Amino acid sequence: MTAIAALSFDLDDTLWELGQVIHHAEQALQDYLQRHHPMLAARFGIAELADLRRQVAEGHPQIAHDMTALRLQTLRHAAKLSGEPESLAQAAFDVFLDARNRVRVFPETRPVLQQLQGRWPLLAITNGNADIQRIGLSDLFRHSISPAEAGAAKPDPAMFALACERAGVSPDRLVHVGDDPMTDVTGAVRFGMRAVWINRDGSDWPAHLPPVPHQRIRSLRELPALLSD
C-alpha cells in the first residue's frame, strides 16, 4: 500500500455537529431582517428563504455549488421581490456567516488533529462556508479548500484534484476523512484516494450507493491508530 503523504478532512459533521449551528444562524438572520428590513422578513421566513434558495440554484447553476454566492444571490432576489434594496444582502449575509461559524468542535477534534499534524500536512475540504480561521482551527491546516476555489463541490473530482495539487501529492497518497458516504467517501475513492468514513451512529452503508473500498471509524479518536496500521 502506498505510503500516506497528506490527510484531508471534511468539516461540517466531521469536526463538529452542524444541524443546530445552521438552525441558529438562520434564526439570527431572520431576527436581523425583522429588525432592519421588515418588508423582506414579512414575506420571507426561514422556510420561504430556503425555497427561494432552491429556485435560485436552479436558475443560476453556475453558482449552485458555492453556498456563499448562492445565499447572497438569494438575499438580493428576496430583497428585490420585497421592495427592499438589494444592497442589504451583504450585511445580512454577514450576520448569518458570523453565527454559522460559531461551532462547538467535538472534544476530540483539536487533540487528534494536533497529533496527526505532527506526522502529515492536513487539508480542510468543505462544501459549505465554514471558516477555519474564525472557528479557531487554522493553525492545524496547511490549506483550506472551498467550492468557490475549485469551481465545484464534492463529490466532483475538481475538489479532490485541487487538494492533491495544494498538498503536492498524487491521489493514492492522500487520505480523505469525512462523514458523508457520497460526497466524502465515494467521491474520494472514485478520484483514486483512500477514504475513511466517520460513521458516529454506526449506520449501514446506504443501499442506493454502490459499495466502495473504505475504512470506517466511530470517532476521530480511532483515526491515529487506524492510520498507523
Protein backbone atom coordinates (compact mmCIF):
# COMPACT_ATOMS: atom_id res chain seq x y z
CA MET A 1 0.00 0.00 0.00
CA THR A 2 1.32 3.44 -0.97
CA ALA A 3 2.57 5.47 1.97
CA ILE A 4 0.36 8.29 3.24
CA ALA A 5 1.71 11.74 2.39
CA ALA A 6 -1.18 14.00 3.50
CA LEU A 7 -4.63 13.93 5.08
CA SER A 8 -7.73 15.89 4.12
CA PHE A 9 -10.79 16.44 6.29
CA ASP A 10 -14.36 17.37 5.67
CA LEU A 11 -15.54 19.96 8.23
CA ASP A 12 -19.29 20.01 8.90
CA ASP A 13 -20.46 16.92 10.83
CA THR A 14 -16.91 15.60 10.75
CA LEU A 15 -15.14 18.01 13.10
CA TRP A 16 -18.33 19.44 14.65
CA GLU A 17 -22.09 18.91 14.56
CA LEU A 18 -23.79 21.15 12.01
CA GLY A 19 -27.56 20.90 12.44
CA GLN A 20 -28.10 23.26 15.36
CA VAL A 21 -25.44 25.64 14.04
CA ILE A 22 -27.38 26.21 10.81
CA HIS A 23 -30.65 26.50 12.71
CA HIS A 24 -29.21 29.22 14.95
CA ALA A 25 -27.57 31.01 12.01
CA GLU A 26 -30.80 31.11 10.03
CA GLN A 27 -32.67 32.38 13.08
CA ALA A 28 -30.04 35.08 13.62
CA LEU A 29 -30.50 36.16 10.01
CA GLN A 30 -34.27 36.23 10.39
CA ASP A 31 -34.05 38.29 13.59
CA TYR A 32 -31.77 40.76 11.80
CA LEU A 33 -34.14 41.06 8.87
CA GLN A 34 -37.12 41.63 11.16
CA ARG A 35 -35.28 44.48 12.89
CA HIS A 36 -33.77 46.16 9.84
CA HIS A 37 -35.75 45.01 6.79
CA PRO A 38 -39.27 44.17 7.96
CA MET A 39 -40.82 44.01 4.49
CA LEU A 40 -38.42 41.26 3.48
CA ALA A 41 -38.86 39.41 6.77
CA ALA A 42 -42.64 39.56 6.45
CA ARG A 43 -42.55 37.93 3.03
CA PHE A 44 -39.64 35.52 3.53
CA GLY A 45 -39.31 33.50 6.69
CA ILE A 46 -36.70 30.77 7.16
CA ALA A 47 -38.66 28.19 5.15
CA GLU A 48 -39.51 30.65 2.39
CA LEU A 49 -35.87 31.72 2.03
CA ALA A 50 -34.88 28.06 1.75
CA ASP A 51 -37.43 27.55 -1.02
CA LEU A 52 -36.19 30.65 -2.80
CA ARG A 53 -32.60 29.47 -2.46
CA ARG A 54 -33.51 26.24 -4.25
CA GLN A 55 -35.15 28.25 -7.03
CA VAL A 56 -32.11 30.49 -7.34
CA ALA A 57 -29.84 27.44 -7.54
CA GLU A 58 -31.94 26.03 -10.37
CA GLY A 59 -31.91 29.35 -12.20
CA HIS A 60 -28.20 30.02 -11.62
CA PRO A 61 -26.49 26.62 -11.90
CA GLN A 62 -23.12 28.35 -12.27
CA ILE A 63 -23.22 29.30 -8.56
CA ALA A 64 -25.22 26.36 -7.17
CA HIS A 65 -22.05 24.77 -5.75
CA ASP A 66 -20.97 27.94 -3.91
CA MET A 67 -23.05 28.42 -0.77
CA THR A 68 -21.77 31.94 -0.16
CA ALA A 69 -22.60 33.15 -3.66
CA LEU A 70 -25.91 31.29 -3.57
CA ARG A 71 -27.03 32.76 -0.25
CA LEU A 72 -26.01 36.26 -1.32
CA GLN A 73 -27.92 35.97 -4.60
CA THR A 74 -30.93 34.62 -2.73
CA LEU A 75 -30.93 37.60 -0.38
CA ARG A 76 -30.64 40.01 -3.32
CA HIS A 77 -33.56 38.33 -5.05
CA ALA A 78 -35.64 38.29 -1.86
CA ALA A 79 -34.94 42.00 -1.36
CA LYS A 80 -35.99 42.82 -4.91
CA LEU A 81 -39.22 40.84 -4.56
CA SER A 82 -39.95 42.59 -1.25
CA GLY A 83 -39.30 46.14 -2.42
CA GLU A 84 -36.16 46.39 -0.32
CA PRO A 85 -32.70 47.48 -1.60
CA GLU A 86 -30.62 44.64 -2.98
CA SER A 87 -27.60 46.21 -1.28
CA LEU A 88 -28.85 44.82 2.04
CA ALA A 89 -27.64 41.35 1.06
CA GLN A 90 -24.02 41.62 2.19
CA ALA A 91 -24.73 42.94 5.70
CA ALA A 92 -27.50 40.38 6.17
CA PHE A 93 -25.30 37.56 4.96
CA ASP A 94 -22.52 38.67 7.33
CA VAL A 95 -24.92 38.16 10.23
CA PHE A 96 -25.66 34.64 9.01
CA LEU A 97 -21.99 33.85 8.42
CA ASP A 98 -20.93 35.04 11.85
CA ALA A 99 -23.46 32.74 13.51
CA ARG A 100 -22.72 29.91 11.08
CA ASN A 101 -19.10 29.89 12.24
CA ARG A 102 -19.96 29.74 15.94
CA VAL A 103 -19.47 26.00 16.08
CA ARG A 104 -18.59 23.77 19.00
CA VAL A 105 -16.00 21.30 17.81
CA PHE A 106 -16.18 17.74 19.09
CA PRO A 107 -13.97 17.35 22.20
CA GLU A 108 -11.55 15.08 20.37
CA THR A 109 -11.16 17.28 17.29
CA ARG A 110 -8.26 19.51 18.30
CA PRO A 111 -6.23 16.87 20.20
CA VAL A 112 -6.47 14.37 17.34
CA LEU A 113 -5.65 16.94 14.66
CA GLN A 114 -2.69 18.15 16.70
CA GLN A 115 -1.42 14.58 16.94
CA LEU A 116 -1.84 13.97 13.21
CA GLN A 117 -0.39 17.36 12.28
CA GLY A 118 2.92 16.21 13.68
CA ARG A 119 3.06 13.43 11.09
CA TRP A 120 1.34 14.72 7.96
CA PRO A 121 0.18 18.01 6.41
CA LEU A 122 -3.57 18.45 6.91
CA LEU A 123 -6.05 20.00 4.48
CA ALA A 124 -9.66 21.09 5.03
CA ILE A 125 -12.13 20.41 2.21
CA THR A 126 -15.65 21.73 2.69
CA ASN A 127 -18.77 22.10 0.57
CA GLY A 128 -20.03 24.77 2.94
CA ASN A 129 -18.78 28.18 4.00
CA ALA A 130 -17.21 27.31 7.32
CA ASP A 131 -14.11 29.40 8.00
CA ILE A 132 -11.41 27.54 9.93
CA GLN A 133 -9.77 30.83 10.89
CA ARG A 134 -12.95 32.16 12.54
CA ILE A 135 -13.54 28.80 14.17
CA GLY A 136 -10.01 28.70 15.57
CA LEU A 137 -8.56 25.70 13.73
CA SER A 138 -6.47 27.42 11.06
CA ASP A 139 -3.24 26.65 12.92
CA LEU A 140 -3.82 22.95 12.26
CA PHE A 141 -4.30 23.03 8.49
CA ARG A 142 -1.87 23.80 5.67
CA HIS A 143 -4.69 24.56 3.24
CA SER A 144 -8.46 25.04 3.22
CA ILE A 145 -10.38 24.36 0.01
CA SER A 146 -13.90 25.59 -0.79
CA PRO A 147 -16.21 25.06 -3.78
CA ALA A 148 -15.70 28.71 -4.72
CA GLU A 149 -12.00 27.99 -5.32
CA ALA A 150 -12.48 24.64 -7.03
CA GLY A 151 -15.44 25.69 -9.16
CA ALA A 152 -17.39 22.65 -7.96
CA ALA A 153 -18.43 20.84 -4.78
CA LYS A 154 -17.67 17.33 -3.57
CA PRO A 155 -18.03 14.68 -4.91
CA ASP A 156 -16.89 16.47 -8.07
CA PRO A 157 -13.28 15.46 -8.77
CA ALA A 158 -12.28 19.12 -9.05
CA MET A 159 -12.35 19.44 -5.25
CA PHE A 160 -10.09 16.44 -4.72
CA ALA A 161 -7.82 17.42 -7.60
CA LEU A 162 -7.24 20.82 -6.03
CA ALA A 163 -6.50 19.17 -2.68
CA CYS A 164 -3.86 16.96 -4.29
CA GLU A 165 -2.40 19.96 -6.12
CA ARG A 166 -2.20 22.04 -2.94
CA ALA A 167 -0.66 19.17 -1.00
CA GLY A 168 1.72 18.32 -3.84
CA VAL A 169 0.84 14.62 -3.73
CA SER A 170 -0.71 12.03 -6.02
CA PRO A 171 -4.30 10.89 -5.18
CA ASP A 172 -3.17 7.50 -3.89
CA ARG A 173 -1.06 9.22 -1.22
CA LEU A 174 -3.84 11.40 0.19
CA VAL A 175 -6.37 10.01 2.70
CA HIS A 176 -9.70 11.82 2.99
CA VAL A 177 -11.79 11.67 6.17
CA GLY A 178 -15.46 12.63 6.17
CA ASP A 179 -18.97 11.78 7.30
CA ASP A 180 -20.88 11.71 4.03
CA PRO A 181 -20.89 8.38 2.15
CA MET A 182 -21.41 10.06 -1.22
CA THR A 183 -19.61 13.40 -1.16
CA ASP A 184 -16.71 12.29 1.02
CA VAL A 185 -16.19 8.55 0.71
CA THR A 186 -17.43 7.73 -2.78
CA GLY A 187 -16.10 10.97 -4.23
CA ALA A 188 -12.63 10.45 -2.82
CA VAL A 189 -12.40 6.77 -3.79
CA ARG A 190 -13.57 7.45 -7.35
CA PHE A 191 -10.79 10.02 -7.65
CA GLY A 192 -8.22 7.43 -6.60
CA MET A 193 -7.81 8.48 -2.98
CA ARG A 194 -8.18 6.42 0.16
CA ALA A 195 -11.20 7.26 2.29
CA VAL A 196 -12.12 6.95 5.95
CA TRP A 197 -15.82 7.16 6.77
CA ILE A 198 -16.52 8.68 10.19
CA ASN A 199 -19.79 6.94 11.00
CA ARG A 200 -20.67 8.04 14.51
CA ASP A 201 -24.05 6.33 14.75
CA GLY A 202 -22.97 3.02 13.23
CA SER A 203 -25.19 3.32 10.17
CA ASP A 204 -25.14 0.74 7.39
CA TRP A 205 -23.72 1.79 4.05
CA PRO A 206 -26.57 3.46 2.10
CA ALA A 207 -28.35 0.93 -0.11
CA HIS A 208 -28.64 3.39 -3.01
CA LEU A 209 -24.86 3.74 -3.29
CA PRO A 210 -22.55 1.14 -4.79
CA PRO A 211 -20.09 -0.16 -2.22
CA VAL A 212 -16.60 1.31 -2.47
CA PRO A 213 -13.47 0.31 -0.57
CA HIS A 214 -13.04 2.40 2.56
CA GLN A 215 -12.27 2.22 6.25
CA ARG A 216 -14.68 3.37 8.92
CA ILE A 217 -14.43 4.79 12.41
CA ARG A 218 -16.97 5.85 15.03
CA SER A 219 -14.86 8.71 16.42
CA LEU A 220 -11.84 10.76 15.38
CA ARG A 221 -10.09 9.22 18.38
CA GLU A 222 -9.76 6.00 16.38
CA LEU A 223 -8.03 7.66 13.43
CA PRO A 224 -4.38 7.80 14.57
CA ALA A 225 -4.28 4.08 15.31
CA LEU A 226 -6.09 3.27 12.07
CA LEU A 227 -3.56 5.21 10.01
CA SER A 228 -0.66 3.53 11.81
CA ASP A 229 -1.83 0.01 10.95
